[in-house]
Amino acid sequence: MIGPMDDPMANPVSAALHGPLRAFGDRRGRAVRFDPDVSPFAGLPAEPGDQDWADLAVLAGPGETVVLAGPGAVPPQGWEVVRALDGVQMDGAAVTTATDPGIVELGVGDRTAMAALVERTKPGPWGPRTAELGTYLGVRRDGELVAMAGERLRIPGRTEISAVCTDPSARGQGLAERLVRAVAARIVARGDLPMLHASAVNEPALRVYRRMGFVLTRPMRFDLLRTPVGTPAG
């Protein structure tokens, strides 16, 4: 489980999979991992030891990739750092939320269109079951889904807004801001507060979020790692 020194906001994947989203992943010791068709994210305690890394390697399997979100940790020998992305975490407690009649809730029948929009816009990791993690809202134009945003990580008292994306044909129209405020309204109505993660170098997006009232909480690292090829099966 999460240790007493772990801050859920600083270690959101572990907090989610030990808490509200535990049905969407597996745990071994203090290591956690989402089901691969839900998300590539995995989690370790704030100061992982050799056993924690070994447990995560068993969860993932040999030669498989996982994404760790947190302050950044140096993996032990045998692990490969495929890619490291500098990011930020932002707190949306002060964001003004808004319902919007031009926004629709997306359902199971929209999954193909959602996956196609993600493929065109590359907002971040997306799998066949990612949309099961929470509510997703979208905007359609002439019957085509052109923008969406939804919920991903949930920790006690907080829900992450994620998959914020707009088709190139519809950018510059404020759709992302409308969607983020609408998703935030759903989160607040449920009794949680919104948060989000973004690339540290995506200044256009960061400007929009700051204008909306999001406040920088902490830097975050998103490390795509490959487990050792010789990892035992169990």
C-alpha atoms as a PDB file:
ATOM      1  CA  MET A   1       0.000   0.000   0.000  1.00  0.00           C
ATOM      2  CA  ILE A   2       0.993   3.658  -0.133  1.00  0.00           C
ATOM      3  CA  GLY A   3       3.429   4.544   2.602  1.00  0.00           C
ATOM      4  CA  PRO A   4       2.725   7.188   5.256  1.00  0.00           C
ATOM      5  CA  MET A   5       5.147   9.637   3.609  1.00  0.00           C
ATOM      6  CA  ASP A   6       3.523   9.383   0.175  1.00  0.00           C
ATOM      7  CA  ASP A   7       1.514  12.403  -0.960  1.00  0.00           C
ATOM      8  CA  PRO A   8      -1.383  11.176  -3.141  1.00  0.00           C
ATOM      9  CA  MET A   9      -1.065  14.247  -5.380  1.00  0.00           C
ATOM     10  CA  ALA A  10       2.655  13.591  -5.879  1.00  0.00           C
ATOM     11  CA  ASN A  11       2.080   9.874  -6.492  1.00  0.00           C
ATOM     12  CA  PRO A  12      -1.338   9.822  -8.194  1.00  0.00           C
ATOM     13  CA  VAL A  13      -1.099   6.463  -9.972  1.00  0.00           C
ATOM     14  CA  SER A  14      -0.356   4.593  -6.754  1.00  0.00           C
ATOM     15  CA  ALA A  15      -3.058   6.536  -4.933  1.00  0.00           C
ATOM     16  CA  ALA A  16      -5.598   5.767  -7.665  1.00  0.00           C
ATOM     17  CA  LEU A  17      -4.841   2.053  -7.893  1.00  0.00           C
ATOM     18  CA  HIS A  18      -4.724   1.599  -4.126  1.00  0.00           C
ATOM     19  CA  GLY A  19      -7.983   3.554  -3.881  1.00  0.00           C
ATOM     20  CA  PRO A  20     -10.842   4.634  -6.174  1.00  0.00           C
ATOM     21  CA  LEU A  21      -9.577   2.871  -9.325  1.00  0.00           C
ATOM     22  CA  ARG A  22      -8.312  -0.361  -7.789  1.00  0.00           C
ATOM     23  CA  ALA A  23     -10.692  -2.399  -9.981  1.00  0.00           C
ATOM     24  CA  PHE A  24      -8.804  -1.240 -13.090  1.00  0.00           C
ATOM     25  CA  GLY A  25      -5.404  -2.702 -12.242  1.00  0.00           C
ATOM     26  CA  ASP A  26      -3.249  -5.115 -10.298  1.00  0.00           C
ATOM     27  CA  ARG A  27      -1.041  -4.846  -7.235  1.00  0.00           C
ATOM     28  CA  ARG A  28       1.980  -6.805  -6.057  1.00  0.00           C
ATOM     29  CA  GLY A  29       3.539  -5.673  -2.823  1.00  0.00           C
ATOM     30  CA  ARG A  30       3.740  -1.887  -3.099  1.00  0.00           C
ATOM     31  CA  ALA A  31       3.842  -1.866  -6.920  1.00  0.00           C
ATOM     32  CA  VAL A  32       0.704  -1.211  -8.977  1.00  0.00           C
ATOM     33  CA  ARG A  33      -0.152  -1.286 -12.644  1.00  0.00           C
ATOM     34  CA  PHE A  34      -3.262  -0.470 -14.677  1.00  0.00           C
ATOM     35  CA  ASP A  35      -4.630  -3.201 -16.917  1.00  0.00           C
ATOM     36  CA  PRO A  36      -2.741  -2.621 -20.198  1.00  0.00           C
ATOM     37  CA  ASP A  37      -5.912  -2.008 -22.225  1.00  0.00           C
ATOM     38  CA  VAL A  38      -6.926   0.716 -19.757  1.00  0.00           C
ATOM     39  CA  SER A  39      -3.659   2.626 -19.388  1.00  0.00           C
ATOM     40  CA  PRO A  40       0.116   2.112 -19.556  1.00  0.00           C
ATOM     41  CA  PHE A  41       0.593   3.843 -16.185  1.00  0.00           C
ATOM     42  CA  ALA A  42       2.177   2.053 -13.256  1.00  0.00           C
ATOM     43  CA  GLY A  43       3.102   3.205  -9.774  1.00  0.00           C
ATOM     44  CA  LEU A  44       5.741   2.671  -7.107  1.00  0.00           C
ATOM     45  CA  PRO A  45       6.137   4.129  -3.611  1.00  0.00           C
ATOM     46  CA  ALA A  46       7.832   7.506  -3.283  1.00  0.00           C
ATOM     47  CA  GLU A  47      11.176   5.870  -2.501  1.00  0.00           C
ATOM     48  CA  PRO A  48      11.089   2.478  -4.229  1.00  0.00           C
ATOM     49  CA  GLY A  49      13.424  -0.281  -3.151  1.00  0.00           C
ATOM     50  CA  ASP A  50      14.760  -3.224  -5.109  1.00  0.00           C
ATOM     51  CA  GLN A  51      11.781  -5.372  -4.134  1.00  0.00           C
ATOM     52  CA  ASP A  52       9.343  -2.733  -5.413  1.00  0.00           C
ATOM     53  CA  TRP A  53      11.066  -2.686  -8.817  1.00  0.00           C
ATOM     54  CA  ALA A  54      11.091  -6.475  -8.882  1.00  0.00           C
ATOM     55  CA  ASP A  55       7.374  -6.599  -8.072  1.00  0.00           C
ATOM     56  CA  LEU A  56       6.579  -4.135 -10.863  1.00  0.00           C
ATOM     57  CA  ALA A  57       8.658  -6.162 -13.317  1.00  0.00           C
ATOM     58  CA  VAL A  58       6.615  -9.251 -12.459  1.00  0.00           C
ATOM     59  CA  LEU A  59       3.336  -7.325 -12.819  1.00  0.00           C
ATOM     60  CA  ALA A  60       4.288  -6.043 -16.260  1.00  0.00           C
ATOM     61  CA  GLY A  61       6.113  -9.093 -17.580  1.00  0.00           C
ATOM     62  CA  PRO A  62       9.479  -9.343 -19.360  1.00  0.00           C
ATOM     63  CA  GLY A  63      10.325  -6.786 -22.017  1.00  0.00           C
ATOM     64  CA  GLU A  64       7.067  -4.827 -21.531  1.00  0.00           C
ATOM     65  CA  THR A  65       6.683  -1.059 -21.236  1.00  0.00           C
ATOM     66  CA  VAL A  66       5.092   0.962 -18.434  1.00  0.00           C
ATOM     67  CA  VAL A  67       4.834   4.668 -17.691  1.00  0.00           C
ATOM     68  CA  LEU A  68       5.748   5.996 -14.243  1.00  0.00           C
ATOM     69  CA  ALA A  69       4.395   9.390 -13.183  1.00  0.00           C
ATOM     70  CA  GLY A  70       6.061  11.219 -10.316  1.00  0.00           C
ATOM     71  CA  PRO A  71       9.238  13.002  -9.312  1.00  0.00           C
ATOM     72  CA  GLY A  72      11.377  10.652 -11.392  1.00  0.00           C
ATOM     73  CA  ALA A  73      13.192   7.565 -10.173  1.00  0.00           C
ATOM     74  CA  VAL A  74      16.346   5.867 -11.389  1.00  0.00           C
ATOM     75  CA  PRO A  75      15.461   2.283 -12.333  1.00  0.00           C
ATOM     76  CA  PRO A  76      17.838  -0.545 -11.419  1.00  0.00           C
ATOM     77  CA  GLN A  77      20.064  -2.386 -13.837  1.00  0.00           C
ATOM     78  CA  GLY A  78      18.198  -4.263 -16.532  1.00  0.00           C
ATOM     79  CA  TRP A  79      15.472  -1.666 -16.959  1.00  0.00           C
ATOM     80  CA  GLU A  80      15.535   0.560 -20.049  1.00  0.00           C
ATOM     81  CA  VAL A  81      14.477   4.217 -20.083  1.00  0.00           C
ATOM     82  CA  VAL A  82      12.722   4.464 -23.445  1.00  0.00           C
ATOM     83  CA  ARG A  83      11.647   8.083 -23.074  1.00  0.00           C
ATOM     84  CA  ALA A  84      11.422  10.682 -20.302  1.00  0.00           C
ATOM     85  CA  LEU A  85       9.007  13.620 -20.515  1.00  0.00           C
ATOM     86  CA  ASP A  86       9.088  16.645 -18.234  1.00  0.00           C
ATOM     87  CA  GLY A  87       5.607  17.595 -17.136  1.00  0.00           C
ATOM     88  CA  VAL A  88       3.712  19.632 -14.588  1.00  0.00           C
ATOM     89  CA  GLN A  89       0.791  19.013 -12.286  1.00  0.00           C
ATOM     90  CA  MET A  90      -1.830  21.761 -11.963  1.00  0.00           C
ATOM     91  CA  ASP A  91      -4.494  22.245  -9.288  1.00  0.00           C
ATOM     92  CA  GLY A  92      -7.923  23.345 -10.530  1.00  0.00           C
ATOM     93  CA  ALA A  93      -9.556  24.135  -7.183  1.00  0.00           C
ATOM     94  CA  ALA A  94      -9.997  27.783  -8.245  1.00  0.00           C
ATOM     95  CA  VAL A  95     -11.305  27.097 -11.760  1.00  0.00           C
ATOM     96  CA  THR A  96     -14.728  28.488 -12.577  1.00  0.00           C
ATOM     97  CA  THR A  97     -16.787  25.550 -13.795  1.00  0.00           C
ATOM     98  CA  ALA A  98     -19.599  25.772 -16.332  1.00  0.00           C
ATOM     99  CA  THR A  99     -22.224  23.546 -17.887  1.00  0.00           C
ATOM    100  CA  ASP A 100     -22.560  23.946 -21.650  1.00  0.00           C
ATOM    101  CA  PRO A 101     -25.545  22.963 -23.820  1.00  0.00           C
ATOM    102  CA  GLY A 102     -23.265  22.554 -26.849  1.00  0.00           C
ATOM    103  CA  ILE A 103     -21.343  19.723 -25.186  1.00  0.00           C
ATOM    104  CA  VAL A 104     -22.520  16.111 -25.152  1.00  0.00           C
ATOM    105  CA  GLU A 105     -21.663  13.159 -22.937  1.00  0.00           C
ATOM    106  CA  LEU A 106     -19.884  10.422 -24.865  1.00  0.00           C
ATOM    107  CA  GLY A 107     -20.837   6.793 -24.470  1.00  0.00           C
ATOM    108  CA  VAL A 108     -19.969   3.304 -25.618  1.00  0.00           C
ATOM    109  CA  GLY A 109     -21.235   4.043 -29.122  1.00  0.00           C
ATOM    110  CA  ASP A 110     -18.694   6.864 -29.434  1.00  0.00           C
ATOM    111  CA  ARG A 111     -15.592   4.772 -28.631  1.00  0.00           C
ATOM    112  CA  THR A 112     -14.511   4.402 -32.272  1.00  0.00           C
ATOM    113  CA  ALA A 113     -14.820   8.151 -32.892  1.00  0.00           C
ATOM    114  CA  MET A 114     -12.976   8.902 -29.640  1.00  0.00           C
ATOM    115  CA  ALA A 115     -10.091   6.611 -30.584  1.00  0.00           C
ATOM    116  CA  ALA A 116      -9.908   8.191 -34.044  1.00  0.00           C
ATOM    117  CA  LEU A 117      -9.766  11.703 -32.555  1.00  0.00           C
ATOM    118  CA  VAL A 118      -7.003  10.624 -30.175  1.00  0.00           C
ATOM    119  CA  GLU A 119      -5.083   9.139 -33.086  1.00  0.00           C
ATOM    120  CA  ARG A 120      -5.316  12.433 -35.003  1.00  0.00           C
ATOM    121  CA  THR A 121      -4.378  14.685 -32.074  1.00  0.00           C
ATOM    122  CA  LYS A 122      -2.053  12.621 -29.803  1.00  0.00           C
ATOM    123  CA  PRO A 123      -3.123  14.022 -26.403  1.00  0.00           C
ATOM    124  CA  GLY A 124      -1.433  11.179 -24.526  1.00  0.00           C
ATOM    125  CA  PRO A 125      -1.843   7.480 -23.753  1.00  0.00           C
ATOM    126  CA  TRP A 126      -5.154   5.953 -24.825  1.00  0.00           C
ATOM    127  CA  GLY A 127      -6.302   2.366 -24.804  1.00  0.00           C
ATOM    128  CA  PRO A 128      -9.428   0.396 -25.720  1.00  0.00           C
ATOM    129  CA  ARG A 129     -10.815   0.791 -22.166  1.00  0.00           C
ATOM    130  CA  THR A 130      -9.473   4.209 -21.151  1.00  0.00           C
ATOM    131  CA  ALA A 131     -12.942   5.752 -21.469  1.00  0.00           C
ATOM    132  CA  GLU A 132     -14.182   3.476 -18.671  1.00  0.00           C
ATOM    133  CA  LEU A 133     -12.201   5.520 -16.127  1.00  0.00           C
ATOM    134  CA  GLY A 134     -14.735   8.349 -15.972  1.00  0.00           C
ATOM    135  CA  THR A 135     -17.021  10.732 -17.801  1.00  0.00           C
ATOM    136  CA  TYR A 136     -15.980  11.952 -21.251  1.00  0.00           C
ATOM    137  CA  LEU A 137     -17.561  14.961 -22.926  1.00  0.00           C
ATOM    138  CA  GLY A 138     -17.313  16.047 -26.546  1.00  0.00           C
ATOM    139  CA  VAL A 139     -18.310  18.477 -29.253  1.00  0.00           C
ATOM    140  CA  ARG A 140     -19.678  17.322 -32.589  1.00  0.00           C
ATOM    141  CA  ARG A 141     -19.758  19.278 -35.838  1.00  0.00           C
ATOM    142  CA  ASP A 142     -21.873  17.905 -38.688  1.00  0.00           C
ATOM    143  CA  GLY A 143     -22.047  14.615 -36.814  1.00  0.00           C
ATOM    144  CA  GLU A 144     -18.272  14.285 -36.406  1.00  0.00           C
ATOM    145  CA  LEU A 145     -16.523  14.335 -33.029  1.00  0.00           C
ATOM    146  CA  VAL A 146     -14.078  17.258 -33.205  1.00  0.00           C
ATOM    147  CA  ALA A 147     -13.103  17.800 -29.549  1.00  0.00           C
ATOM    148  CA  MET A 148     -13.271  15.998 -26.227  1.00  0.00           C
ATOM    149  CA  ALA A 149     -12.015  15.871 -22.653  1.00  0.00           C
ATOM    150  CA  GLY A 150     -12.635  13.517 -19.776  1.00  0.00           C
ATOM    151  CA  GLU A 151     -11.578  11.992 -16.476  1.00  0.00           C
ATOM    152  CA  ARG A 152      -8.631   9.667 -15.896  1.00  0.00           C
ATOM    153  CA  LEU A 153      -6.864   9.328 -12.536  1.00  0.00           C
ATOM    154  CA  ARG A 154      -8.969   9.555  -9.385  1.00  0.00           C
ATOM    155  CA  ILE A 155      -7.521   9.864  -5.896  1.00  0.00           C
ATOM    156  CA  PRO A 156      -9.431  10.673  -2.726  1.00  0.00           C
ATOM    157  CA  GLY A 157     -10.864  14.165  -3.197  1.00  0.00           C
ATOM    158  CA  ARG A 158      -9.324  14.770  -6.640  1.00  0.00           C
ATOM    159  CA  THR A 159     -10.039  13.799 -10.235  1.00  0.00           C
ATOM    160  CA  GLU A 160      -7.674  14.352 -13.144  1.00  0.00           C
ATOM    161  CA  ILE A 161      -8.935  15.981 -16.352  1.00  0.00           C
ATOM    162  CA  SER A 162      -7.300  14.274 -19.303  1.00  0.00           C
ATOM    163  CA  ALA A 163      -7.485  13.529 -23.058  1.00  0.00           C
ATOM    164  CA  VAL A 164      -8.102  17.203 -23.825  1.00  0.00           C
ATOM    165  CA  CYS A 165      -7.918  17.292 -27.607  1.00  0.00           C
ATOM    166  CA  THR A 166      -9.298  19.204 -30.584  1.00  0.00           C
ATOM    167  CA  ASP A 167      -9.200  18.242 -34.241  1.00  0.00           C
ATOM    168  CA  PRO A 168      -6.967  20.630 -36.263  1.00  0.00           C
ATOM    169  CA  SER A 169     -10.016  21.751 -38.246  1.00  0.00           C
ATOM    170  CA  ALA A 170     -11.696  23.081 -35.090  1.00  0.00           C
ATOM    171  CA  ARG A 171      -8.797  24.674 -33.210  1.00  0.00           C
ATOM    172  CA  GLY A 172      -8.766  28.307 -32.174  1.00  0.00           C
ATOM    173  CA  GLN A 173     -12.469  28.263 -31.263  1.00  0.00           C
ATOM    174  CA  GLY A 174     -12.172  27.812 -27.498  1.00  0.00           C
ATOM    175  CA  LEU A 175     -13.503  24.251 -27.513  1.00  0.00           C
ATOM    176  CA  ALA A 176     -10.810  22.889 -25.188  1.00  0.00           C
ATOM    177  CA  GLU A 177     -11.539  25.517 -22.549  1.00  0.00           C
ATOM    178  CA  ARG A 178     -15.283  24.887 -22.756  1.00  0.00           C
ATOM    179  CA  LEU A 179     -14.751  21.154 -22.378  1.00  0.00           C
ATOM    180  CA  VAL A 180     -12.333  21.477 -19.450  1.00  0.00           C
ATOM    181  CA  ARG A 181     -14.776  23.740 -17.592  1.00  0.00           C
ATOM    182  CA  ALA A 182     -17.630  21.319 -18.294  1.00  0.00           C
ATOM    183  CA  VAL A 183     -15.655  18.278 -17.108  1.00  0.00           C
ATOM    184  CA  ALA A 184     -14.588  20.263 -14.034  1.00  0.00           C
ATOM    185  CA  ALA A 185     -18.264  21.018 -13.332  1.00  0.00           C
ATOM    186  CA  ARG A 186     -19.019  17.280 -13.277  1.00  0.00           C
ATOM    187  CA  ILE A 187     -16.083  16.658 -10.942  1.00  0.00           C
ATOM    188  CA  VAL A 188     -17.098  19.404  -8.518  1.00  0.00           C
ATOM    189  CA  ALA A 189     -20.735  18.235  -8.544  1.00  0.00           C
ATOM    190  CA  ARG A 190     -19.489  14.831  -7.398  1.00  0.00           C
ATOM    191  CA  GLY A 191     -17.655  16.425  -4.469  1.00  0.00           C
ATOM    192  CA  ASP A 192     -14.101  16.269  -5.848  1.00  0.00           C
ATOM    193  CA  LEU A 193     -11.729  18.973  -7.067  1.00  0.00           C
ATOM    194  CA  PRO A 194     -10.149  18.942 -10.546  1.00  0.00           C
ATOM    195  CA  MET A 195      -6.478  18.631 -11.372  1.00  0.00           C
ATOM    196  CA  LEU A 196      -4.549  17.930 -14.548  1.00  0.00           C
ATOM    197  CA  HIS A 197      -1.131  17.087 -15.950  1.00  0.00           C
ATOM    198  CA  ALA A 198       0.504  18.659 -18.980  1.00  0.00           C
ATOM    199  CA  SER A 199       3.804  18.755 -20.810  1.00  0.00           C
ATOM    200  CA  ALA A 200       6.161  21.295 -19.274  1.00  0.00           C
ATOM    201  CA  VAL A 201       7.037  22.599 -22.752  1.00  0.00           C
ATOM    202  CA  ASN A 202       3.470  22.921 -24.089  1.00  0.00           C
ATOM    203  CA  GLU A 203       3.293  26.633 -23.366  1.00  0.00           C
ATOM    204  CA  PRO A 204       0.111  27.318 -25.405  1.00  0.00           C
ATOM    205  CA  ALA A 205      -1.805  24.765 -23.343  1.00  0.00           C
ATOM    206  CA  LEU A 206      -0.258  25.996 -20.083  1.00  0.00           C
ATOM    207  CA  ARG A 207      -1.325  29.561 -20.895  1.00  0.00           C
ATOM    208  CA  VAL A 208      -4.909  28.426 -21.387  1.00  0.00           C
ATOM    209  CA  TYR A 209      -4.910  26.469 -18.131  1.00  0.00           C
ATOM    210  CA  ARG A 210      -3.407  29.360 -16.165  1.00  0.00           C
ATOM    211  CA  ARG A 211      -5.981  31.740 -17.623  1.00  0.00           C
ATOM    212  CA  MET A 212      -8.713  29.394 -16.456  1.00  0.00           C
ATOM    213  CA  GLY A 213      -7.365  29.444 -12.895  1.00  0.00           C
ATOM    214  CA  PHE A 214      -5.244  26.299 -12.767  1.00  0.00           C
ATOM    215  CA  VAL A 215      -2.210  26.726 -10.510  1.00  0.00           C
ATOM    216  CA  LEU A 216       1.095  24.884 -10.760  1.00  0.00           C
ATOM    217  CA  THR A 217       1.370  22.289  -8.017  1.00  0.00           C
ATOM    218  CA  ARG A 218       4.666  20.576  -8.821  1.00  0.00           C
ATOM    219  CA  PRO A 219       6.886  19.395 -11.649  1.00  0.00           C
ATOM    220  CA  MET A 220       6.249  15.816 -12.728  1.00  0.00           C
ATOM    221  CA  ARG A 221       8.213  13.280 -14.754  1.00  0.00           C
ATOM    222  CA  PHE A 222       6.590  10.793 -17.078  1.00  0.00           C
ATOM    223  CA  ASP A 223       9.060   7.973 -17.723  1.00  0.00           C
ATOM    224  CA  LEU A 224       8.382   5.309 -20.331  1.00  0.00           C
ATOM    225  CA  LEU A 225      10.335   2.276 -19.117  1.00  0.00           C
ATOM    226  CA  ARG A 226      10.906  -1.229 -20.445  1.00  0.00           C
ATOM    227  CA  THR A 227      11.149  -4.051 -17.950  1.00  0.00           C
ATOM    228  CA  PRO A 228      14.131  -6.430 -17.967  1.00  0.00           C
ATOM    229  CA  VAL A 229      13.838  -9.114 -20.610  1.00  0.00           C
ATOM    230  CA  GLY A 230      14.729 -11.807 -18.089  1.00  0.00           C
ATOM    231  CA  THR A 231      11.971 -10.960 -15.620  1.00  0.00           C
ATOM    232  CA  PRO A 232      10.564 -14.112 -13.999  1.00  0.00           C
ATOM    233  CA  ALA A 233       6.903 -14.913 -14.542  1.00  0.00           C
ATOM    234  CA  GLY A 234       5.870 -14.770 -10.928  1.00  0.00           C
END
